[in-house]
Amino acid sequence: MEEFLSTELIKIKDYKLELGNLIVLVLFIALVAGILKLVKKLIYRSSRLKTGEKFSINKIVRYITYGVAFIIALRIAGFDISVLLAGSAALLVGIGFGLQNIFNDFISGIILLLDGSL
């Protein structure tokens, strides 16, 4: 069984994707999807929150979960994310300056949805 799971599917220089890692990755993605569905049901079941608040809380939880799950999925697939994060730091600073207005509008929209005065 161990020999079957350690079968190499892809090999590029130092990187190799094994069947066992691919199976764990697929199970992880299914787990994340199930957790997001469960969280959505729990949020929308609440009677204390308004519809806009439910929507915005659900979106915030989804964004955070997708970000964390993406990093974990890269680790499961065998990528060294420390090199990726260090290399993308300068690029992200430039993108951050360009996206300031969009990010401000995004945060303002979330505040308006949570406030509910509209």
PDB file of N, CA and C in Angstrom:
ATOM      1  N   MET A   1       0.833  -1.194   0.000  1.00  0.00           N
ATOM      2  CA  MET A   1       0.000   0.000   0.000  1.00  0.00           C
ATOM      3  C   MET A   1       0.873   1.252   0.000  1.00  0.00           C
ATOM      4  N   GLU A   2       1.923   1.225   0.799  1.00  0.00           N
ATOM      5  CA  GLU A   2       2.812   2.379   0.874  1.00  0.00           C
ATOM      6  C   GLU A   2       3.505   2.614  -0.465  1.00  0.00           C
ATOM      7  N   GLU A   3       3.839   1.559  -1.160  1.00  0.00           N
ATOM      8  CA  GLU A   3       4.471   1.684  -2.473  1.00  0.00           C
ATOM      9  C   GLU A   3       3.506   2.300  -3.487  1.00  0.00           C
ATOM     10  N   PHE A   4       2.219   1.918  -3.393  1.00  0.00           N
ATOM     11  CA  PHE A   4       1.203   2.464  -4.288  1.00  0.00           C
ATOM     12  C   PHE A   4       1.005   3.956  -4.043  1.00  0.00           C
ATOM     13  N   LEU A   5       0.945   4.366  -2.762  1.00  0.00           N
ATOM     14  CA  LEU A   5       0.725   5.770  -2.429  1.00  0.00           C
ATOM     15  C   LEU A   5       1.935   6.635  -2.737  1.00  0.00           C
ATOM     16  N   SER A   6       3.114   6.054  -2.783  1.00  0.00           N
ATOM     17  CA  SER A   6       4.319   6.838  -3.075  1.00  0.00           C
ATOM     18  C   SER A   6       4.652   6.859  -4.570  1.00  0.00           C
ATOM     19  N   THR A   7       3.725   6.439  -5.410  1.00  0.00           N
ATOM     20  CA  THR A   7       3.912   6.481  -6.852  1.00  0.00           C
ATOM     21  C   THR A   7       4.007   7.931  -7.311  1.00  0.00           C
ATOM     22  N   GLU A   8       5.052   8.246  -8.075  1.00  0.00           N
ATOM     23  CA  GLU A   8       5.243   9.608  -8.569  1.00  0.00           C
ATOM     24  C   GLU A   8       4.348   9.858  -9.772  1.00  0.00           C
ATOM     25  N   LEU A   9       3.564  10.909  -9.695  1.00  0.00           N
ATOM     26  CA  LEU A   9       2.712  11.304 -10.819  1.00  0.00           C
ATOM     27  C   LEU A   9       3.398  12.346 -11.691  1.00  0.00           C
ATOM     28  N   ILE A  10       4.027  13.319 -11.043  1.00  0.00           N
ATOM     29  CA  ILE A  10       4.714  14.403 -11.752  1.00  0.00           C
ATOM     30  C   ILE A  10       6.071  14.610 -11.097  1.00  0.00           C
ATOM     31  N   LYS A  11       7.099  14.774 -11.904  1.00  0.00           N
ATOM     32  CA  LYS A  11       8.430  15.080 -11.376  1.00  0.00           C
ATOM     33  C   LYS A  11       9.050  16.164 -12.239  1.00  0.00           C
ATOM     34  N   ILE A  12       9.299  17.314 -11.617  1.00  0.00           N
ATOM     35  CA  ILE A  12       9.941  18.445 -12.285  1.00  0.00           C
ATOM     36  C   ILE A  12      11.081  18.910 -11.385  1.00  0.00           C
ATOM     37  N   LYS A  13      12.306  18.724 -11.819  1.00  0.00           N
ATOM     38  CA  LYS A  13      13.518  19.042 -11.050  1.00  0.00           C
ATOM     39  C   LYS A  13      13.428  18.431  -9.655  1.00  0.00           C
ATOM     40  N   ASP A  14      13.356  19.290  -8.609  1.00  0.00           N
ATOM     41  CA  ASP A  14      13.310  18.785  -7.233  1.00  0.00           C
ATOM     42  C   ASP A  14      11.896  18.482  -6.757  1.00  0.00           C
ATOM     43  N   TYR A  15      10.901  18.915  -7.506  1.00  0.00           N
ATOM     44  CA  TYR A  15       9.504  18.729  -7.090  1.00  0.00           C
ATOM     45  C   TYR A  15       8.950  17.423  -7.643  1.00  0.00           C
ATOM     46  N   LYS A  16       8.255  16.705  -6.775  1.00  0.00           N
ATOM     47  CA  LYS A  16       7.542  15.507  -7.233  1.00  0.00           C
ATOM     48  C   LYS A  16       6.194  15.433  -6.529  1.00  0.00           C
ATOM     49  N   LEU A  17       5.181  15.100  -7.297  1.00  0.00           N
ATOM     50  CA  LEU A  17       3.827  14.945  -6.775  1.00  0.00           C
ATOM     51  C   LEU A  17       3.524  13.458  -6.704  1.00  0.00           C
ATOM     52  N   GLU A  18       3.260  12.998  -5.491  1.00  0.00           N
ATOM     53  CA  GLU A  18       2.966  11.586  -5.284  1.00  0.00           C
ATOM     54  C   GLU A  18       1.467  11.386  -5.198  1.00  0.00           C
ATOM     55  N   LEU A  19       1.032  10.164  -5.452  1.00  0.00           N
ATOM     56  CA  LEU A  19      -0.383   9.827  -5.436  1.00  0.00           C
ATOM     57  C   LEU A  19      -0.990  10.052  -4.049  1.00  0.00           C
ATOM     58  N   GLY A  20      -0.253   9.708  -3.009  1.00  0.00           N
ATOM     59  CA  GLY A  20      -0.739   9.905  -1.640  1.00  0.00           C
ATOM     60  C   GLY A  20      -1.003  11.372  -1.334  1.00  0.00           C
ATOM     61  N   ASN A  21      -0.101  12.256  -1.789  1.00  0.00           N
ATOM     62  CA  ASN A  21      -0.296  13.696  -1.585  1.00  0.00           C
ATOM     63  C   ASN A  21      -1.514  14.198  -2.352  1.00  0.00           C
ATOM     64  N   LEU A  22      -1.714  13.667  -3.548  1.00  0.00           N
ATOM     65  CA  LEU A  22      -2.873  14.080  -4.350  1.00  0.00           C
ATOM     66  C   LEU A  22      -4.179  13.654  -3.681  1.00  0.00           C
ATOM     67  N   ILE A  23      -4.211  12.458  -3.125  1.00  0.00           N
ATOM     68  CA  ILE A  23      -5.415  11.979  -2.428  1.00  0.00           C
ATOM     69  C   ILE A  23      -5.697  12.836  -1.199  1.00  0.00           C
ATOM     70  N   VAL A  24      -4.655  13.155  -0.430  1.00  0.00           N
ATOM     71  CA  VAL A  24      -4.827  14.009   0.748  1.00  0.00           C
ATOM     72  C   VAL A  24      -5.306  15.391   0.333  1.00  0.00           C
ATOM     73  N   LEU A  25      -4.785  15.907  -0.784  1.00  0.00           N
ATOM     74  CA  LEU A  25      -5.199  17.219  -1.275  1.00  0.00           C
ATOM     75  C   LEU A  25      -6.671  17.235  -1.659  1.00  0.00           C
ATOM     76  N   VAL A  26      -7.132  16.210  -2.353  1.00  0.00           N
ATOM     77  CA  VAL A  26      -8.543  16.126  -2.743  1.00  0.00           C
ATOM     78  C   VAL A  26      -9.437  16.021  -1.506  1.00  0.00           C
ATOM     79  N   LEU A  27      -9.020  15.217  -0.529  1.00  0.00           N
ATOM     80  CA  LEU A  27      -9.798  15.101   0.711  1.00  0.00           C
ATOM     81  C   LEU A  27      -9.824  16.423   1.471  1.00  0.00           C
ATOM     82  N   PHE A  28      -8.712  17.145   1.461  1.00  0.00           N
ATOM     83  CA  PHE A  28      -8.660  18.441   2.141  1.00  0.00           C
ATOM     84  C   PHE A  28      -9.612  19.437   1.483  1.00  0.00           C
ATOM     85  N   ILE A  29      -9.640  19.475   0.151  1.00  0.00           N
ATOM     86  CA  ILE A  29     -10.540  20.383  -0.557  1.00  0.00           C
ATOM     87  C   ILE A  29     -11.997  20.040  -0.255  1.00  0.00           C
ATOM     88  N   ALA A  30     -12.311  18.743  -0.207  1.00  0.00           N
ATOM     89  CA  ALA A  30     -13.676  18.325   0.135  1.00  0.00           C
ATOM     90  C   ALA A  30     -14.019  18.731   1.571  1.00  0.00           C
ATOM     91  N   LEU A  31     -13.063  18.610   2.473  1.00  0.00           N
ATOM     92  CA  LEU A  31     -13.282  19.002   3.868  1.00  0.00           C
ATOM     93  C   LEU A  31     -13.535  20.497   3.989  1.00  0.00           C
ATOM     94  N   VAL A  32     -12.761  21.290   3.280  1.00  0.00           N
ATOM     95  CA  VAL A  32     -12.945  22.749   3.319  1.00  0.00           C
ATOM     96  C   VAL A  32     -14.311  23.129   2.754  1.00  0.00           C
ATOM     97  N   ALA A  33     -14.710  22.490   1.656  1.00  0.00           N
ATOM     98  CA  ALA A  33     -16.030  22.778   1.076  1.00  0.00           C
ATOM     99  C   ALA A  33     -17.147  22.406   2.048  1.00  0.00           C
ATOM    100  N   GLY A  34     -17.012  21.280   2.723  1.00  0.00           N
ATOM    101  CA  GLY A  34     -18.016  20.872   3.709  1.00  0.00           C
ATOM    102  C   GLY A  34     -18.077  21.824   4.889  1.00  0.00           C
ATOM    103  N   ILE A  35     -16.931  22.265   5.357  1.00  0.00           N
ATOM    104  CA  ILE A  35     -16.896  23.211   6.479  1.00  0.00           C
ATOM    105  C   ILE A  35     -17.543  24.534   6.076  1.00  0.00           C
ATOM    106  N   LEU A  36     -17.271  25.003   4.853  1.00  0.00           N
ATOM    107  CA  LEU A  36     -17.870  26.268   4.408  1.00  0.00           C
ATOM    108  C   LEU A  36     -19.392  26.154   4.292  1.00  0.00           C
ATOM    109  N   LYS A  37     -19.889  25.016   3.834  1.00  0.00           N
ATOM    110  CA  LYS A  37     -21.345  24.826   3.771  1.00  0.00           C
ATOM    111  C   LYS A  37     -21.954  24.808   5.166  1.00  0.00           C
ATOM    112  N   LEU A  38     -21.288  24.151   6.105  1.00  0.00           N
ATOM    113  CA  LEU A  38     -21.778  24.087   7.479  1.00  0.00           C
ATOM    114  C   LEU A  38     -21.790  25.471   8.117  1.00  0.00           C
ATOM    115  N   VAL A  39     -20.727  26.236   7.909  1.00  0.00           N
ATOM    116  CA  VAL A  39     -20.653  27.584   8.476  1.00  0.00           C
ATOM    117  C   VAL A  39     -21.743  28.467   7.877  1.00  0.00           C
ATOM    118  N   LYS A  40     -21.979  28.341   6.574  1.00  0.00           N
ATOM    119  CA  LYS A  40     -23.028  29.133   5.930  1.00  0.00           C
ATOM    120  C   LYS A  40     -24.393  28.807   6.519  1.00  0.00           C
ATOM    121  N   LYS A  41     -24.676  27.516   6.734  1.00  0.00           N
ATOM    122  CA  LYS A  41     -25.959  27.131   7.340  1.00  0.00           C
ATOM    123  C   LYS A  41     -26.091  27.706   8.744  1.00  0.00           C
ATOM    124  N   LEU A  42     -24.997  27.662   9.512  1.00  0.00           N
ATOM    125  CA  LEU A  42     -25.047  28.192  10.880  1.00  0.00           C
ATOM    126  C   LEU A  42     -25.258  29.705  10.890  1.00  0.00           C
ATOM    127  N   ILE A  43     -24.606  30.400   9.980  1.00  0.00           N
ATOM    128  CA  ILE A  43     -24.746  31.858   9.935  1.00  0.00           C
ATOM    129  C   ILE A  43     -26.159  32.245   9.517  1.00  0.00           C
ATOM    130  N   TYR A  44     -26.682  31.616   8.460  1.00  0.00           N
ATOM    131  CA  TYR A  44     -28.005  31.988   7.957  1.00  0.00           C
ATOM    132  C   TYR A  44     -29.133  31.469   8.843  1.00  0.00           C
ATOM    133  N   ARG A  45     -28.844  30.562   9.757  1.00  0.00           N
ATOM    134  CA  ARG A  45     -29.861  30.056  10.680  1.00  0.00           C
ATOM    135  C   ARG A  45     -30.113  31.041  11.822  1.00  0.00           C
ATOM    136  N   SER A  46     -29.161  31.925  12.080  1.00  0.00           N
ATOM    137  CA  SER A  46     -29.272  32.873  13.178  1.00  0.00           C
ATOM    138  C   SER A  46     -30.429  33.842  12.951  1.00  0.00           C
ATOM    139  N   SER A  47     -31.223  34.053  13.987  1.00  0.00           N
ATOM    140  CA  SER A  47     -32.351  34.987  13.870  1.00  0.00           C
ATOM    141  C   SER A  47     -31.995  36.371  14.410  1.00  0.00           C
ATOM    142  N   ARG A  48     -30.853  36.502  15.070  1.00  0.00           N
ATOM    143  CA  ARG A  48     -30.466  37.788  15.635  1.00  0.00           C
ATOM    144  C   ARG A  48     -29.825  38.708  14.609  1.00  0.00           C
ATOM    145  N   LEU A  49     -29.300  38.136  13.532  1.00  0.00           N
ATOM    146  CA  LEU A  49     -28.604  38.936  12.535  1.00  0.00           C
ATOM    147  C   LEU A  49     -29.534  39.327  11.394  1.00  0.00           C
ATOM    148  N   LYS A  50     -29.284  40.493  10.826  1.00  0.00           N
ATOM    149  CA  LYS A  50     -30.027  40.938   9.652  1.00  0.00           C
ATOM    150  C   LYS A  50     -29.442  40.264   8.414  1.00  0.00           C
ATOM    151  N   THR A  51     -30.148  40.331   7.311  1.00  0.00           N
ATOM    152  CA  THR A  51     -29.727  39.653   6.082  1.00  0.00           C
ATOM    153  C   THR A  51     -28.381  40.176   5.590  1.00  0.00           C
ATOM    154  N   GLY A  52     -28.175  41.472   5.615  1.00  0.00           N
ATOM    155  CA  GLY A  52     -26.901  42.047   5.181  1.00  0.00           C
ATOM    156  C   GLY A  52     -25.749  41.619   6.063  1.00  0.00           C
ATOM    157  N   GLU A  53     -25.998  41.538   7.363  1.00  0.00           N
ATOM    158  CA  GLU A  53     -24.959  41.095   8.287  1.00  0.00           C
ATOM    159  C   GLU A  53     -24.603  39.634   8.040  1.00  0.00           C
ATOM    160  N   LYS A  54     -25.608  38.812   7.802  1.00  0.00           N
ATOM    161  CA  LYS A  54     -25.363  37.393   7.517  1.00  0.00           C
ATOM    162  C   LYS A  54     -24.514  37.244   6.259  1.00  0.00           C
ATOM    163  N   PHE A  55     -24.878  38.004   5.219  1.00  0.00           N
ATOM    164  CA  PHE A  55     -24.150  37.935   3.956  1.00  0.00           C
ATOM    165  C   PHE A  55     -22.698  38.357   4.126  1.00  0.00           C
ATOM    166  N   SER A  56     -22.479  39.489   4.806  1.00  0.00           N
ATOM    167  CA  SER A  56     -21.117  39.994   4.947  1.00  0.00           C
ATOM    168  C   SER A  56     -20.270  39.107   5.844  1.00  0.00           C
ATOM    169  N   ILE A  57     -20.834  38.567   6.913  1.00  0.00           N
ATOM    170  CA  ILE A  57     -20.084  37.651   7.775  1.00  0.00           C
ATOM    171  C   ILE A  57     -19.719  36.388   7.006  1.00  0.00           C
ATOM    172  N   ASN A  58     -20.658  35.883   6.213  1.00  0.00           N
ATOM    173  CA  ASN A  58     -20.384  34.699   5.406  1.00  0.00           C
ATOM    174  C   ASN A  58     -19.259  34.970   4.414  1.00  0.00           C
ATOM    175  N   LYS A  59     -19.265  36.127   3.764  1.00  0.00           N
ATOM    176  CA  LYS A  59     -18.219  36.461   2.797  1.00  0.00           C
ATOM    177  C   LYS A  59     -16.857  36.598   3.472  1.00  0.00           C
ATOM    178  N   ILE A  60     -16.809  37.247   4.623  1.00  0.00           N
ATOM    179  CA  ILE A  60     -15.547  37.422   5.328  1.00  0.00           C
ATOM    180  C   ILE A  60     -14.977  36.063   5.737  1.00  0.00           C
ATOM    181  N   VAL A  61     -15.825  35.193   6.268  1.00  0.00           N
ATOM    182  CA  VAL A  61     -15.372  33.854   6.663  1.00  0.00           C
ATOM    183  C   VAL A  61     -14.879  33.081   5.447  1.00  0.00           C
ATOM    184  N   ARG A  62     -15.559  33.208   4.326  1.00  0.00           N
ATOM    185  CA  ARG A  62     -15.145  32.504   3.100  1.00  0.00           C
ATOM    186  C   ARG A  62     -13.787  33.003   2.612  1.00  0.00           C
ATOM    187  N   TYR A  63     -13.571  34.324   2.605  1.00  0.00           N
ATOM    188  CA  TYR A  63     -12.297  34.867   2.144  1.00  0.00           C
ATOM    189  C   TYR A  63     -11.146  34.391   3.023  1.00  0.00           C
ATOM    190  N   ILE A  64     -11.329  34.447   4.327  1.00  0.00           N
ATOM    191  CA  ILE A  64     -10.276  34.011   5.246  1.00  0.00           C
ATOM    192  C   ILE A  64     -10.017  32.518   5.080  1.00  0.00           C
ATOM    193  N   THR A  65     -11.090  31.733   4.976  1.00  0.00           N
ATOM    194  CA  THR A  65     -10.940  30.287   4.823  1.00  0.00           C
ATOM    195  C   THR A  65     -10.240  29.942   3.517  1.00  0.00           C
ATOM    196  N   TYR A  66     -10.606  30.616   2.423  1.00  0.00           N
ATOM    197  CA  TYR A  66      -9.949  30.358   1.141  1.00  0.00           C
ATOM    198  C   TYR A  66      -8.460  30.691   1.210  1.00  0.00           C
ATOM    199  N   GLY A  67      -8.112  31.780   1.850  1.00  0.00           N
ATOM    200  CA  GLY A  67      -6.701  32.165   1.964  1.00  0.00           C
ATOM    201  C   GLY A  67      -5.880  31.149   2.733  1.00  0.00           C
ATOM    202  N   VAL A  68      -6.395  30.755   3.894  1.00  0.00           N
ATOM    203  CA  VAL A  68      -5.688  29.762   4.717  1.00  0.00           C
ATOM    204  C   VAL A  68      -5.656  28.409   4.014  1.00  0.00           C
ATOM    205  N   ALA A  69      -6.762  28.019   3.408  1.00  0.00           N
ATOM    206  CA  ALA A  69      -6.825  26.717   2.723  1.00  0.00           C
ATOM    207  C   ALA A  69      -5.875  26.680   1.531  1.00  0.00           C
ATOM    208  N   PHE A  70      -5.712  27.798   0.821  1.00  0.00           N
ATOM    209  CA  PHE A  70      -4.797  27.837  -0.312  1.00  0.00           C
ATOM    210  C   PHE A  70      -3.360  27.596   0.134  1.00  0.00           C
ATOM    211  N   ILE A  71      -2.968  28.221   1.236  1.00  0.00           N
ATOM    212  CA  ILE A  71      -1.612  28.041   1.757  1.00  0.00           C
ATOM    213  C   ILE A  71      -1.410  26.603   2.225  1.00  0.00           C
ATOM    214  N   ILE A  72      -2.396  26.043   2.922  1.00  0.00           N
ATOM    215  CA  ILE A  72      -2.287  24.658   3.384  1.00  0.00           C
ATOM    216  C   ILE A  72      -2.267  23.698   2.198  1.00  0.00           C
ATOM    217  N   ALA A  73      -3.065  23.972   1.173  1.00  0.00           N
ATOM    218  CA  ALA A  73      -3.085  23.104  -0.011  1.00  0.00           C
ATOM    219  C   ALA A  73      -1.739  23.126  -0.730  1.00  0.00           C
ATOM    220  N   LEU A  74      -1.088  24.273  -0.785  1.00  0.00           N
ATOM    221  CA  LEU A  74       0.246  24.326  -1.380  1.00  0.00           C
ATOM    222  C   LEU A  74       1.235  23.475  -0.591  1.00  0.00           C
ATOM    223  N   ARG A  75       1.126  23.514   0.733  1.00  0.00           N
ATOM    224  CA  ARG A  75       2.015  22.690   1.564  1.00  0.00           C
ATOM    225  C   ARG A  75       1.728  21.204   1.368  1.00  0.00           C
ATOM    226  N   ILE A  76       0.455  20.842   1.266  1.00  0.00           N
ATOM    227  CA  ILE A  76       0.098  19.433   1.049  1.00  0.00           C
ATOM    228  C   ILE A  76       0.629  18.952  -0.300  1.00  0.00           C
ATOM    229  N   ALA A  77       0.564  19.817  -1.306  1.00  0.00           N
ATOM    230  CA  ALA A  77       1.036  19.448  -2.640  1.00  0.00           C
ATOM    231  C   ALA A  77       2.557  19.374  -2.710  1.00  0.00           C
ATOM    232  N   GLY A  78       3.241  19.860  -1.688  1.00  0.00           N
ATOM    233  CA  GLY A  78       4.690  19.722  -1.629  1.00  0.00           C
ATOM    234  C   GLY A  78       5.473  20.957  -2.020  1.00  0.00           C
ATOM    235  N   PHE A  79       4.814  22.101  -2.167  1.00  0.00           N
ATOM    236  CA  PHE A  79       5.516  23.330  -2.514  1.00  0.00           C
ATOM    237  C   PHE A  79       6.110  23.957  -1.267  1.00  0.00           C
ATOM    238  N   ASP A  80       7.286  24.564  -1.412  1.00  0.00           N
ATOM    239  CA  ASP A  80       7.914  25.300  -0.317  1.00  0.00           C
ATOM    240  C   ASP A  80       7.385  26.729  -0.373  1.00  0.00           C
ATOM    241  N   ILE A  81       6.424  27.042   0.494  1.00  0.00           N
ATOM    242  CA  ILE A  81       5.755  28.343   0.409  1.00  0.00           C
ATOM    243  C   ILE A  81       6.589  29.478   0.980  1.00  0.00           C
ATOM    244  N   SER A  82       7.636  29.182   1.751  1.00  0.00           N
ATOM    245  CA  SER A  82       8.464  30.262   2.287  1.00  0.00           C
ATOM    246  C   SER A  82       9.167  30.998   1.153  1.00  0.00           C
ATOM    247  N   VAL A  83       9.619  30.277   0.149  1.00  0.00           N
ATOM    248  CA  VAL A  83      10.251  30.913  -1.013  1.00  0.00           C
ATOM    249  C   VAL A  83       9.217  31.725  -1.781  1.00  0.00           C
ATOM    250  N   LEU A  84       8.031  31.182  -1.922  1.00  0.00           N
ATOM    251  CA  LEU A  84       6.958  31.876  -2.640  1.00  0.00           C
ATOM    252  C   LEU A  84       6.561  33.161  -1.928  1.00  0.00           C
ATOM    253  N   LEU A  85       6.428  33.104  -0.614  1.00  0.00           N
ATOM    254  CA  LEU A  85       6.031  34.295   0.146  1.00  0.00           C
ATOM    255  C   LEU A  85       7.118  35.352   0.144  1.00  0.00           C
ATOM    256  N   ALA A  86       8.375  34.938   0.266  1.00  0.00           N
ATOM    257  CA  ALA A  86       9.474  35.905   0.261  1.00  0.00           C
ATOM    258  C   ALA A  86       9.620  36.553  -1.110  1.00  0.00           C
ATOM    259  N   GLY A  87       9.456  35.782  -2.151  1.00  0.00           N
ATOM    260  CA  GLY A  87       9.597  36.318  -3.498  1.00  0.00           C
ATOM    261  C   GLY A  87       8.465  37.228  -3.905  1.00  0.00           C
ATOM    262  N   SER A  88       7.305  37.024  -3.348  1.00  0.00           N
ATOM    263  CA  SER A  88       6.149  37.830  -3.742  1.00  0.00           C
ATOM    264  C   SER A  88       5.962  39.075  -2.872  1.00  0.00           C
ATOM    265  N   ALA A  89       6.792  39.283  -1.880  1.00  0.00           N
ATOM    266  CA  ALA A  89       6.616  40.423  -0.976  1.00  0.00           C
ATOM    267  C   ALA A  89       6.720  41.750  -1.723  1.00  0.00           C
ATOM    268  N   ALA A  90       7.728  41.909  -2.554  1.00  0.00           N
ATOM    269  CA  ALA A  90       7.897  43.171  -3.292  1.00  0.00           C
ATOM    270  C   ALA A  90       6.756  43.373  -4.285  1.00  0.00           C
ATOM    271  N   LEU A  91       6.339  42.309  -4.941  1.00  0.00           N
ATOM    272  CA  LEU A  91       5.235  42.401  -5.891  1.00  0.00           C
ATOM    273  C   LEU A  91       3.945  42.809  -5.181  1.00  0.00           C
ATOM    274  N   LEU A  92       3.710  42.249  -4.009  1.00  0.00           N
ATOM    275  CA  LEU A  92       2.485  42.557  -3.270  1.00  0.00           C
ATOM    276  C   LEU A  92       2.468  43.997  -2.763  1.00  0.00           C
ATOM    277  N   VAL A  93       3.627  44.573  -2.471  1.00  0.00           N
ATOM    278  CA  VAL A  93       3.671  45.978  -2.067  1.00  0.00           C
ATOM    279  C   VAL A  93       3.211  46.860  -3.226  1.00  0.00           C
ATOM    280  N   GLY A  94       3.693  46.576  -4.412  1.00  0.00           N
ATOM    281  CA  GLY A  94       3.275  47.343  -5.589  1.00  0.00           C
ATOM    282  C   GLY A  94       1.800  47.178  -5.890  1.00  0.00           C
ATOM    283  N   ILE A  95       1.311  45.960  -5.783  1.00  0.00           N
ATOM    284  CA  ILE A  95      -0.118  45.711  -6.005  1.00  0.00           C
ATOM    285  C   ILE A  95      -0.945  46.397  -4.928  1.00  0.00           C
ATOM    286  N   GLY A  96      -0.429  46.404  -3.713  1.00  0.00           N
ATOM    287  CA  GLY A  96      -1.136  47.050  -2.606  1.00  0.00           C
ATOM    288  C   GLY A  96      -1.342  48.537  -2.842  1.00  0.00           C
ATOM    289  N   PHE A  97      -0.312  49.206  -3.351  1.00  0.00           N
ATOM    290  CA  PHE A  97      -0.469  50.633  -3.666  1.00  0.00           C
ATOM    291  C   PHE A  97      -1.501  50.838  -4.761  1.00  0.00           C
ATOM    292  N   GLY A  98      -1.537  49.947  -5.729  1.00  0.00           N
ATOM    293  CA  GLY A  98      -2.486  50.087  -6.819  1.00  0.00           C
ATOM    294  C   GLY A  98      -3.920  49.782  -6.416  1.00  0.00           C
ATOM    295  N   LEU A  99      -4.098  48.918  -5.429  1.00  0.00           N
ATOM    296  CA  LEU A  99      -5.437  48.486  -5.035  1.00  0.00           C
ATOM    297  C   LEU A  99      -5.977  49.189  -3.793  1.00  0.00           C
ATOM    298  N   GLN A 100      -5.339  50.278  -3.384  1.00  0.00           N
ATOM    299  CA  GLN A 100      -5.786  50.960  -2.171  1.00  0.00           C
ATOM    300  C   GLN A 100      -7.234  51.417  -2.267  1.00  0.00           C
ATOM    301  N   ASN A 101      -7.608  52.042  -3.349  1.00  0.00           N
ATOM    302  CA  ASN A 101      -8.979  52.552  -3.486  1.00  0.00           C
ATOM    303  C   ASN A 101      -9.991  51.418  -3.528  1.00  0.00           C
ATOM    304  N   ILE A 102      -9.672  50.345  -4.236  1.00  0.00           N
ATOM    305  CA  ILE A 102     -10.587  49.204  -4.301  1.00  0.00           C
ATOM    306  C   ILE A 102     -10.753  48.581  -2.921  1.00  0.00           C
ATOM    307  N   PHE A 103      -9.652  48.448  -2.186  1.00  0.00           N
ATOM    308  CA  PHE A 103      -9.725  47.877  -0.843  1.00  0.00           C
ATOM    309  C   PHE A 103     -10.518  48.788   0.087  1.00  0.00           C
ATOM    310  N   ASN A 104     -10.325  50.094  -0.032  1.00  0.00           N
ATOM    311  CA  ASN A 104     -11.104  51.038   0.783  1.00  0.00           C
ATOM    312  C   ASN A 104     -12.600  50.904   0.493  1.00  0.00           C
ATOM    313  N   ASP A 105     -12.951  50.791  -0.784  1.00  0.00           N
ATOM    314  CA  ASP A 105     -14.357  50.622  -1.161  1.00  0.00           C
ATOM    315  C   ASP A 105     -14.914  49.295  -0.640  1.00  0.00           C
ATOM    316  N   PHE A 106     -14.105  48.247  -0.680  1.00  0.00           N
ATOM    317  CA  PHE A 106     -14.519  46.935  -0.180  1.00  0.00           C
ATOM    318  C   PHE A 106     -14.814  46.991   1.322  1.00  0.00           C
ATOM    319  N   ILE A 107     -13.901  47.577   2.086  1.00  0.00           N
ATOM    320  CA  ILE A 107     -14.102  47.699   3.536  1.00  0.00           C
ATOM    321  C   ILE A 107     -15.300  48.595   3.832  1.00  0.00           C
ATOM    322  N   SER A 108     -15.466  49.683   3.081  1.00  0.00           N
ATOM    323  CA  SER A 108     -16.624  50.567   3.281  1.00  0.00           C
ATOM    324  C   SER A 108     -17.928  49.822   3.018  1.00  0.00           C
ATOM    325  N   GLY A 109     -17.947  48.980   1.987  1.00  0.00           N
ATOM    326  CA  GLY A 109     -19.140  48.185   1.698  1.00  0.00           C
ATOM    327  C   GLY A 109     -19.471  47.219   2.815  1.00  0.00           C
ATOM    328  N   ILE A 110     -18.458  46.590   3.382  1.00  0.00           N
ATOM    329  CA  ILE A 110     -18.699  45.674   4.498  1.00  0.00           C
ATOM    330  C   ILE A 110     -19.240  46.439   5.701  1.00  0.00           C
ATOM    331  N   ILE A 111     -18.683  47.616   5.968  1.00  0.00           N
ATOM    332  CA  ILE A 111     -19.164  48.429   7.100  1.00  0.00           C
ATOM    333  C   ILE A 111     -20.609  48.841   6.878  1.00  0.00           C
ATOM    334  N   LEU A 112     -20.953  49.218   5.654  1.00  0.00           N
ATOM    335  CA  LEU A 112     -22.333  49.598   5.363  1.00  0.00           C
ATOM    336  C   LEU A 112     -23.289  48.414   5.505  1.00  0.00           C
ATOM    337  N   LEU A 113     -22.854  47.226   5.078  1.00  0.00           N
ATOM    338  CA  LEU A 113     -23.703  46.049   5.232  1.00  0.00           C
ATOM    339  C   LEU A 113     -23.919  45.702   6.706  1.00  0.00           C
ATOM    340  N   LEU A 114     -22.855  45.828   7.505  1.00  0.00           N
ATOM    341  CA  LEU A 114     -22.988  45.509   8.927  1.00  0.00           C
ATOM    342  C   LEU A 114     -23.765  46.575   9.681  1.00  0.00           C
ATOM    343  N   ASP A 115     -23.646  47.822   9.264  1.00  0.00           N
ATOM    344  CA  ASP A 115     -24.348  48.898   9.940  1.00  0.00           C
ATOM    345  C   ASP A 115     -25.845  48.786   9.737  1.00  0.00           C
ATOM    346  N   GLY A 116     -26.278  48.524   8.529  1.00  0.00           N
ATOM    347  CA  GLY A 116     -27.700  48.316   8.231  1.00  0.00           C
ATOM    348  C   GLY A 116     -28.548  49.563   8.263  1.00  0.00           C
ATOM    349  N   SER A 117     -27.932  50.755   8.221  1.00  0.00           N
ATOM    350  CA  SER A 117     -28.738  51.983   8.285  1.00  0.00           C
ATOM    351  C   SER A 117     -29.305  52.369   6.926  1.00  0.00           C
ATOM    352  N   LEU A 118     -28.890  51.709   5.875  1.00  0.00           N
ATOM    353  CA  LEU A 118     -29.390  52.054   4.540  1.00  0.00           C
ATOM    354  C   LEU A 118     -30.702  51.395   4.257  1.00  0.00           C
TER     355      LEU A 118
END
